[in-house]
Amino acid sequence: MKKAHPANPLALAVLALLFERPMHPYEMAATLKQRHKEESIKLRYGSLYTVIELLLARGFIRAEATSREGKRPERTVFALTDAGYEELLDWMRDLIRAPAKEYPQFEAGLCLIGVLPPDEATELLRDRATQLAGQVAQLETQLAEVAQQTWSPPPALRKAMPALESVKRLPPLFTVEGEYRLALLRAEHAFVADLVRRIVEEDWGPRELWREAQAAAASQHDKSADDDEEAAT
């Protein structure tokens, strides 16, 4: 039976980096930051070393060499093994074809929104729509700036593919996660803005039922709080 993939997506990032070339952990972290991948995969140095130990234990990577620059501590350069290459491909196929279900916090809030009075919930949704509009504008600006940046392919890639010399701008292949994130933000903003409109203009809920159900449930706890205060005195 095939073992489950490591739980931390940072392990996938390490395998993908070593797919390009051997690296030491500091270079891995620097490369992820330079490419803004930490916006999609949480990056912490402690977690990075934990992930490396896990990948070593499972035979997916190996220590290739150690190096030292000046008085800095020795750095171990890691390389991808054949087993690690197969794991990388299998993991990527699973992620793209059928990723595991996620449980976004905003969705959790929506499914329990009846706990709040409708007027308060509507104002909070308006606040959320405003935040989302700002995030959309910010990400649109970032992606437009990235699209105009000059691109210098890694030496190994340039050597393997001389045609890349003519590519002057960063190809969208390397920023597709930003496009995906922007699409999600736009969709969420459109949904939230329309939900506010339906609550206000179409009596979504319906509001009176929502208000009465919330007030009835809240009154139980208000009474319980009053009883506790009386008992304390």
C-alpha atoms as a PDB file:
ATOM      1  CA  MET A   1       0.000   0.000   0.000  1.00  0.00           C
ATOM      2  CA  LYS A   2       1.392   3.394  -0.997  1.00  0.00           C
ATOM      3  CA  LYS A   3       2.222   5.694   1.901  1.00  0.00           C
ATOM      4  CA  ALA A   4       0.317   8.950   2.225  1.00  0.00           C
ATOM      5  CA  HIS A   5       2.058  12.078   1.047  1.00  0.00           C
ATOM      6  CA  PRO A   6       3.683  14.240   3.737  1.00  0.00           C
ATOM      7  CA  ALA A   7       1.118  16.488   5.420  1.00  0.00           C
ATOM      8  CA  ASN A   8       3.064  19.731   5.030  1.00  0.00           C
ATOM      9  CA  PRO A   9       2.930  21.309   1.519  1.00  0.00           C
ATOM     10  CA  LEU A  10       6.364  22.762   2.275  1.00  0.00           C
ATOM     11  CA  ALA A  11       7.709  19.254   1.666  1.00  0.00           C
ATOM     12  CA  LEU A  12       6.295  19.440  -1.855  1.00  0.00           C
ATOM     13  CA  ALA A  13       8.007  22.791  -2.375  1.00  0.00           C
ATOM     14  CA  VAL A  14      11.344  21.299  -1.284  1.00  0.00           C
ATOM     15  CA  LEU A  15      10.970  18.422  -3.738  1.00  0.00           C
ATOM     16  CA  ALA A  16      10.050  20.858  -6.517  1.00  0.00           C
ATOM     17  CA  LEU A  17      13.082  23.043  -5.808  1.00  0.00           C
ATOM     18  CA  LEU A  18      15.413  20.052  -5.821  1.00  0.00           C
ATOM     19  CA  PHE A  19      13.784  18.950  -9.076  1.00  0.00           C
ATOM     20  CA  GLU A  20      15.476  22.050 -10.556  1.00  0.00           C
ATOM     21  CA  ARG A  21      18.884  21.539  -8.948  1.00  0.00           C
ATOM     22  CA  PRO A  22      20.565  20.567  -5.640  1.00  0.00           C
ATOM     23  CA  MET A  23      20.278  23.282  -2.972  1.00  0.00           C
ATOM     24  CA  HIS A  24      20.995  23.915   0.694  1.00  0.00           C
ATOM     25  CA  PRO A  25      18.119  24.948   2.999  1.00  0.00           C
ATOM     26  CA  TYR A  26      19.015  28.642   3.051  1.00  0.00           C
ATOM     27  CA  GLU A  27      18.924  28.740  -0.758  1.00  0.00           C
ATOM     28  CA  MET A  28      15.578  26.918  -0.733  1.00  0.00           C
ATOM     29  CA  ALA A  29      14.038  29.501   1.580  1.00  0.00           C
ATOM     30  CA  ALA A  30      15.557  32.407  -0.347  1.00  0.00           C
ATOM     31  CA  THR A  31      14.303  31.025  -3.669  1.00  0.00           C
ATOM     32  CA  LEU A  32      10.766  30.547  -2.346  1.00  0.00           C
ATOM     33  CA  LYS A  33      10.722  34.119  -1.041  1.00  0.00           C
ATOM     34  CA  GLN A  34      12.207  35.542  -4.230  1.00  0.00           C
ATOM     35  CA  ARG A  35       9.441  33.846  -6.212  1.00  0.00           C
ATOM     36  CA  HIS A  36       6.750  34.871  -3.659  1.00  0.00           C
ATOM     37  CA  LYS A  37       5.799  31.233  -3.155  1.00  0.00           C
ATOM     38  CA  GLU A  38       5.445  31.849   0.595  1.00  0.00           C
ATOM     39  CA  GLU A  39       2.126  33.509  -0.259  1.00  0.00           C
ATOM     40  CA  SER A  40       0.811  30.087  -1.301  1.00  0.00           C
ATOM     41  CA  ILE A  41       2.869  27.766   0.936  1.00  0.00           C
ATOM     42  CA  LYS A  42       3.567  28.710   4.558  1.00  0.00           C
ATOM     43  CA  LEU A  43       7.318  29.083   5.040  1.00  0.00           C
ATOM     44  CA  ARG A  44       9.017  28.879   8.422  1.00  0.00           C
ATOM     45  CA  TYR A  45      12.661  28.008   8.877  1.00  0.00           C
ATOM     46  CA  GLY A  46      11.915  25.591  11.729  1.00  0.00           C
ATOM     47  CA  SER A  47       9.332  23.802   9.603  1.00  0.00           C
ATOM     48  CA  LEU A  48      11.725  23.734   6.648  1.00  0.00           C
ATOM     49  CA  TYR A  49      14.356  21.790   8.591  1.00  0.00           C
ATOM     50  CA  THR A  50      11.695  19.458  10.010  1.00  0.00           C
ATOM     51  CA  VAL A  51      10.460  18.765   6.473  1.00  0.00           C
ATOM     52  CA  ILE A  52      13.996  18.108   5.253  1.00  0.00           C
ATOM     53  CA  GLU A  53      14.525  15.547   8.034  1.00  0.00           C
ATOM     54  CA  LEU A  54      11.258  13.851   7.068  1.00  0.00           C
ATOM     55  CA  LEU A  55      12.196  13.715   3.380  1.00  0.00           C
ATOM     56  CA  LEU A  56      15.615  12.314   4.275  1.00  0.00           C
ATOM     57  CA  ALA A  57      14.038   9.625   6.464  1.00  0.00           C
ATOM     58  CA  ARG A  58      11.699   8.575   3.659  1.00  0.00           C
ATOM     59  CA  GLY A  59      14.506   8.460   1.112  1.00  0.00           C
ATOM     60  CA  PHE A  60      13.092  11.243  -1.061  1.00  0.00           C
ATOM     61  CA  ILE A  61      16.196  13.430  -0.795  1.00  0.00           C
ATOM     62  CA  ARG A  62      19.844  12.839   0.052  1.00  0.00           C
ATOM     63  CA  ALA A  63      22.715  14.918   1.342  1.00  0.00           C
ATOM     64  CA  GLU A  64      25.016  15.538  -1.602  1.00  0.00           C
ATOM     65  CA  ALA A  65      27.733  17.794  -0.229  1.00  0.00           C
ATOM     66  CA  THR A  66      28.628  20.319   2.451  1.00  0.00           C
ATOM     67  CA  SER A  67      30.000  23.777   1.886  1.00  0.00           C
ATOM     68  CA  ARG A  68      31.226  26.653   4.017  1.00  0.00           C
ATOM     69  CA  GLU A  69      31.480  30.351   3.166  1.00  0.00           C
ATOM     70  CA  GLY A  70      33.886  32.273   5.369  1.00  0.00           C
ATOM     71  CA  LYS A  71      33.014  31.947   9.041  1.00  0.00           C
ATOM     72  CA  ARG A  72      29.444  30.830   8.381  1.00  0.00           C
ATOM     73  CA  PRO A  73      28.326  27.379   9.568  1.00  0.00           C
ATOM     74  CA  GLU A  74      28.581  24.498   7.148  1.00  0.00           C
ATOM     75  CA  ARG A  75      25.667  24.163   4.765  1.00  0.00           C
ATOM     76  CA  THR A  76      24.470  20.802   3.517  1.00  0.00           C
ATOM     77  CA  VAL A  77      23.425  20.635  -0.114  1.00  0.00           C
ATOM     78  CA  PHE A  78      20.541  18.247  -0.750  1.00  0.00           C
ATOM     79  CA  ALA A  79      19.551  16.501  -3.972  1.00  0.00           C
ATOM     80  CA  LEU A  80      16.434  14.721  -5.179  1.00  0.00           C
ATOM     81  CA  THR A  81      16.519  10.903  -5.255  1.00  0.00           C
ATOM     82  CA  ASP A  82      14.726   8.710  -7.789  1.00  0.00           C
ATOM     83  CA  ALA A  83      12.121   7.906  -5.133  1.00  0.00           C
ATOM     84  CA  GLY A  84      11.736  11.621  -4.431  1.00  0.00           C
ATOM     85  CA  TYR A  85      11.204  12.340  -8.105  1.00  0.00           C
ATOM     86  CA  GLU A  86       8.428   9.737  -8.279  1.00  0.00           C
ATOM     87  CA  GLU A  87       6.877  11.122  -5.076  1.00  0.00           C
ATOM     88  CA  LEU A  88       6.943  14.651  -6.507  1.00  0.00           C
ATOM     89  CA  LEU A  89       5.140  13.584  -9.679  1.00  0.00           C
ATOM     90  CA  ASP A  90       2.572  11.449  -7.824  1.00  0.00           C
ATOM     91  CA  TRP A  91       1.872  14.229  -5.311  1.00  0.00           C
ATOM     92  CA  MET A  92       1.481  16.856  -8.017  1.00  0.00           C
ATOM     93  CA  ARG A  93      -0.895  14.633  -9.997  1.00  0.00           C
ATOM     94  CA  ASP A  94      -3.048  14.081  -6.910  1.00  0.00           C
ATOM     95  CA  LEU A  95      -3.097  17.795  -6.073  1.00  0.00           C
ATOM     96  CA  ILE A  96      -4.091  18.925  -9.539  1.00  0.00           C
ATOM     97  CA  ARG A  97      -6.569  16.124 -10.267  1.00  0.00           C
ATOM     98  CA  ALA A  98      -8.319  15.737  -6.901  1.00  0.00           C
ATOM     99  CA  PRO A  99      -7.058  17.971  -4.073  1.00  0.00           C
ATOM    100  CA  ALA A 100      -8.317  17.270  -0.555  1.00  0.00           C
ATOM    101  CA  LYS A 101     -11.358  19.244   0.595  1.00  0.00           C
ATOM    102  CA  GLU A 102     -10.462  22.413   2.464  1.00  0.00           C
ATOM    103  CA  TYR A 103     -12.508  24.073   5.185  1.00  0.00           C
ATOM    104  CA  PRO A 104     -12.185  27.867   4.754  1.00  0.00           C
ATOM    105  CA  GLN A 105     -12.928  29.883   7.884  1.00  0.00           C
ATOM    106  CA  PHE A 106     -15.202  32.307   6.042  1.00  0.00           C
ATOM    107  CA  GLU A 107     -17.354  29.429   4.824  1.00  0.00           C
ATOM    108  CA  ALA A 108     -17.577  28.181   8.421  1.00  0.00           C
ATOM    109  CA  GLY A 109     -18.757  31.634   9.471  1.00  0.00           C
ATOM    110  CA  LEU A 110     -21.370  31.743   6.725  1.00  0.00           C
ATOM    111  CA  CYS A 111     -22.833  28.366   7.647  1.00  0.00           C
ATOM    112  CA  LEU A 112     -23.445  29.652  11.196  1.00  0.00           C
ATOM    113  CA  ILE A 113     -24.325  33.263  10.377  1.00  0.00           C
ATOM    114  CA  GLY A 114     -27.765  32.901  11.953  1.00  0.00           C
ATOM    115  CA  VAL A 115     -26.101  33.256  15.374  1.00  0.00           C
ATOM    116  CA  LEU A 116     -25.746  36.987  14.659  1.00  0.00           C
ATOM    117  CA  PRO A 117     -28.640  39.448  14.346  1.00  0.00           C
ATOM    118  CA  PRO A 118     -29.321  40.183  10.649  1.00  0.00           C
ATOM    119  CA  ASP A 119     -28.472  43.890  10.898  1.00  0.00           C
ATOM    120  CA  GLU A 120     -25.086  43.180  12.496  1.00  0.00           C
ATOM    121  CA  ALA A 121     -24.352  40.362  10.042  1.00  0.00           C
ATOM    122  CA  THR A 122     -25.154  42.664   7.119  1.00  0.00           C
ATOM    123  CA  GLU A 123     -22.726  45.323   8.349  1.00  0.00           C
ATOM    124  CA  LEU A 124     -20.022  42.698   8.845  1.00  0.00           C
ATOM    125  CA  LEU A 125     -20.594  41.406   5.327  1.00  0.00           C
ATOM    126  CA  ARG A 126     -20.270  44.965   4.010  1.00  0.00           C
ATOM    127  CA  ASP A 127     -16.946  45.235   5.838  1.00  0.00           C
ATOM    128  CA  ARG A 128     -15.849  41.962   4.283  1.00  0.00           C
ATOM    129  CA  ALA A 129     -16.815  43.154   0.806  1.00  0.00           C
ATOM    130  CA  THR A 130     -14.760  46.322   1.322  1.00  0.00           C
ATOM    131  CA  GLN A 131     -11.732  44.279   2.440  1.00  0.00           C
ATOM    132  CA  LEU A 132     -12.070  41.968  -0.545  1.00  0.00           C
ATOM    133  CA  ALA A 133     -12.289  44.882  -2.978  1.00  0.00           C
ATOM    134  CA  GLY A 134      -9.034  46.226  -1.546  1.00  0.00           C
ATOM    135  CA  GLN A 135      -7.348  42.833  -1.811  1.00  0.00           C
ATOM    136  CA  VAL A 136      -8.498  42.458  -5.419  1.00  0.00           C
ATOM    137  CA  ALA A 137      -7.100  45.873  -6.349  1.00  0.00           C
ATOM    138  CA  GLN A 138      -3.809  45.150  -4.565  1.00  0.00           C
ATOM    139  CA  LEU A 139      -3.324  41.780  -6.228  1.00  0.00           C
ATOM    140  CA  GLU A 140      -4.255  43.160  -9.659  1.00  0.00           C
ATOM    141  CA  THR A 141      -1.534  45.789  -9.225  1.00  0.00           C
ATOM    142  CA  GLN A 142       1.021  43.211  -8.078  1.00  0.00           C
ATOM    143  CA  LEU A 143       0.326  40.891 -11.007  1.00  0.00           C
ATOM    144  CA  ALA A 144       0.517  43.766 -13.482  1.00  0.00           C
ATOM    145  CA  GLU A 145       3.898  44.790 -12.048  1.00  0.00           C
ATOM    146  CA  VAL A 146       5.219  41.220 -12.140  1.00  0.00           C
ATOM    147  CA  ALA A 147       4.122  40.860 -15.764  1.00  0.00           C
ATOM    148  CA  GLN A 148       6.363  43.801 -16.651  1.00  0.00           C
ATOM    149  CA  GLN A 149       9.430  42.548 -14.795  1.00  0.00           C
ATOM    150  CA  THR A 150      12.398  41.366 -16.796  1.00  0.00           C
ATOM    151  CA  TRP A 151      13.170  37.674 -16.402  1.00  0.00           C
ATOM    152  CA  SER A 152      16.499  35.945 -16.184  1.00  0.00           C
ATOM    153  CA  PRO A 153      16.095  32.140 -16.355  1.00  0.00           C
ATOM    154  CA  PRO A 154      18.237  30.042 -13.965  1.00  0.00           C
ATOM    155  CA  PRO A 155      21.582  29.137 -15.585  1.00  0.00           C
ATOM    156  CA  ALA A 156      20.763  25.419 -15.749  1.00  0.00           C
ATOM    157  CA  LEU A 157      17.446  26.113 -17.461  1.00  0.00           C
ATOM    158  CA  ARG A 158      19.048  28.591 -19.864  1.00  0.00           C
ATOM    159  CA  LYS A 159      21.682  26.035 -20.801  1.00  0.00           C
ATOM    160  CA  ALA A 160      19.092  23.301 -21.395  1.00  0.00           C
ATOM    161  CA  MET A 161      16.749  25.576 -23.363  1.00  0.00           C
ATOM    162  CA  PRO A 162      18.643  28.194 -25.403  1.00  0.00           C
ATOM    163  CA  ALA A 163      15.332  29.482 -26.815  1.00  0.00           C
ATOM    164  CA  LEU A 164      14.634  31.034 -23.415  1.00  0.00           C
ATOM    165  CA  GLU A 165      17.182  33.728 -24.206  1.00  0.00           C
ATOM    166  CA  SER A 166      14.487  35.456 -26.255  1.00  0.00           C
ATOM    167  CA  VAL A 167      11.974  35.457 -23.359  1.00  0.00           C
ATOM    168  CA  LYS A 168      12.276  38.838 -21.673  1.00  0.00           C
ATOM    169  CA  ARG A 169       9.237  38.855 -19.379  1.00  0.00           C
ATOM    170  CA  LEU A 170       8.346  36.413 -16.618  1.00  0.00           C
ATOM    171  CA  PRO A 171       6.121  33.734 -18.211  1.00  0.00           C
ATOM    172  CA  PRO A 172       2.649  33.378 -16.635  1.00  0.00           C
ATOM    173  CA  LEU A 173       3.498  29.732 -15.904  1.00  0.00           C
ATOM    174  CA  PHE A 174       5.395  30.993 -12.868  1.00  0.00           C
ATOM    175  CA  THR A 175       2.619  33.226 -11.517  1.00  0.00           C
ATOM    176  CA  VAL A 176      -0.453  31.073 -12.166  1.00  0.00           C
ATOM    177  CA  GLU A 177      -1.172  30.742  -8.434  1.00  0.00           C
ATOM    178  CA  GLY A 178      -1.570  34.525  -8.291  1.00  0.00           C
ATOM    179  CA  GLU A 179      -4.103  34.397 -11.108  1.00  0.00           C
ATOM    180  CA  TYR A 180      -5.982  31.666  -9.245  1.00  0.00           C
ATOM    181  CA  ARG A 181      -5.947  33.647  -6.002  1.00  0.00           C
ATOM    182  CA  LEU A 182      -7.243  36.714  -7.851  1.00  0.00           C
ATOM    183  CA  ALA A 183     -10.066  34.698  -9.428  1.00  0.00           C
ATOM    184  CA  LEU A 184     -11.096  33.417  -5.984  1.00  0.00           C
ATOM    185  CA  LEU A 185     -11.019  36.911  -4.479  1.00  0.00           C
ATOM    186  CA  ARG A 186     -13.112  38.326  -7.318  1.00  0.00           C
ATOM    187  CA  ALA A 187     -15.647  35.512  -6.989  1.00  0.00           C
ATOM    188  CA  GLU A 188     -15.884  35.901  -3.219  1.00  0.00           C
ATOM    189  CA  HIS A 189     -16.277  39.681  -3.508  1.00  0.00           C
ATOM    190  CA  ALA A 190     -19.051  39.278  -6.081  1.00  0.00           C
ATOM    191  CA  PHE A 191     -20.826  36.731  -3.870  1.00  0.00           C
ATOM    192  CA  VAL A 192     -20.596  38.795  -0.675  1.00  0.00           C
ATOM    193  CA  ALA A 193     -21.684  42.020  -2.367  1.00  0.00           C
ATOM    194  CA  ASP A 194     -24.655  40.232  -3.925  1.00  0.00           C
ATOM    195  CA  LEU A 195     -25.552  38.571  -0.611  1.00  0.00           C
ATOM    196  CA  VAL A 196     -25.688  41.988   1.065  1.00  0.00           C
ATOM    197  CA  ARG A 197     -27.908  43.245  -1.747  1.00  0.00           C
ATOM    198  CA  ARG A 198     -30.278  40.288  -1.406  1.00  0.00           C
ATOM    199  CA  ILE A 199     -30.533  40.700   2.365  1.00  0.00           C
ATOM    200  CA  VAL A 200     -31.335  44.401   2.031  1.00  0.00           C
ATOM    201  CA  GLU A 201     -33.420  44.469  -1.140  1.00  0.00           C
ATOM    202  CA  GLU A 202     -34.986  41.009  -1.372  1.00  0.00           C
ATOM    203  CA  ASP A 203     -35.535  40.151   2.297  1.00  0.00           C
ATOM    204  CA  TRP A 204     -33.148  37.205   1.981  1.00  0.00           C
ATOM    205  CA  GLY A 205     -33.315  34.874   4.951  1.00  0.00           C
ATOM    206  CA  PRO A 206     -36.079  35.919   5.354  1.00  0.00           C
ATOM    207  CA  ARG A 207     -34.892  38.674   7.687  1.00  0.00           C
ATOM    208  CA  GLU A 208     -37.861  38.610  10.061  1.00  0.00           C
ATOM    209  CA  LEU A 209     -37.569  34.860  10.590  1.00  0.00           C
ATOM    210  CA  TRP A 210     -33.824  35.271  11.055  1.00  0.00           C
ATOM    211  CA  ARG A 211     -34.308  38.123  13.540  1.00  0.00           C
ATOM    212  CA  GLU A 212     -36.895  36.254  15.595  1.00  0.00           C
ATOM    213  CA  ALA A 213     -34.973  32.970  15.683  1.00  0.00           C
ATOM    214  CA  GLN A 214     -31.757  34.709  16.694  1.00  0.00           C
ATOM    215  CA  ALA A 215     -33.500  36.808  19.363  1.00  0.00           C
ATOM    216  CA  ALA A 216     -35.279  33.764  20.832  1.00  0.00           C
ATOM    217  CA  ALA A 217     -32.006  31.829  21.146  1.00  0.00           C
ATOM    218  CA  ALA A 218     -30.139  34.857  22.504  1.00  0.00           C
ATOM    219  CA  SER A 219     -32.837  35.537  25.126  1.00  0.00           C
ATOM    220  CA  GLN A 220     -32.161  32.160  26.754  1.00  0.00           C
ATOM    221  CA  HIS A 221     -28.595  33.161  27.411  1.00  0.00           C
ATOM    222  CA  ASP A 222     -29.492  36.693  28.474  1.00  0.00           C
ATOM    223  CA  LYS A 223     -31.883  35.199  31.058  1.00  0.00           C
ATOM    224  CA  SER A 224     -29.252  32.718  32.168  1.00  0.00           C
ATOM    225  CA  ALA A 225     -26.750  35.575  32.626  1.00  0.00           C
ATOM    226  CA  ASP A 226     -29.312  37.551  34.691  1.00  0.00           C
ATOM    227  CA  ASP A 227     -29.987  34.505  36.885  1.00  0.00           C
ATOM    228  CA  ASP A 228     -26.259  34.052  37.479  1.00  0.00           C
ATOM    229  CA  GLU A 229     -25.912  37.685  38.516  1.00  0.00           C
ATOM    230  CA  GLU A 230     -28.840  37.390  40.947  1.00  0.00           C
ATOM    231  CA  ALA A 231     -27.394  34.202  42.424  1.00  0.00           C
ATOM    232  CA  ALA A 232     -24.022  35.900  42.873  1.00  0.00           C
ATOM    233  CA  THR A 233     -25.608  38.768  44.836  1.00  0.00           C
END
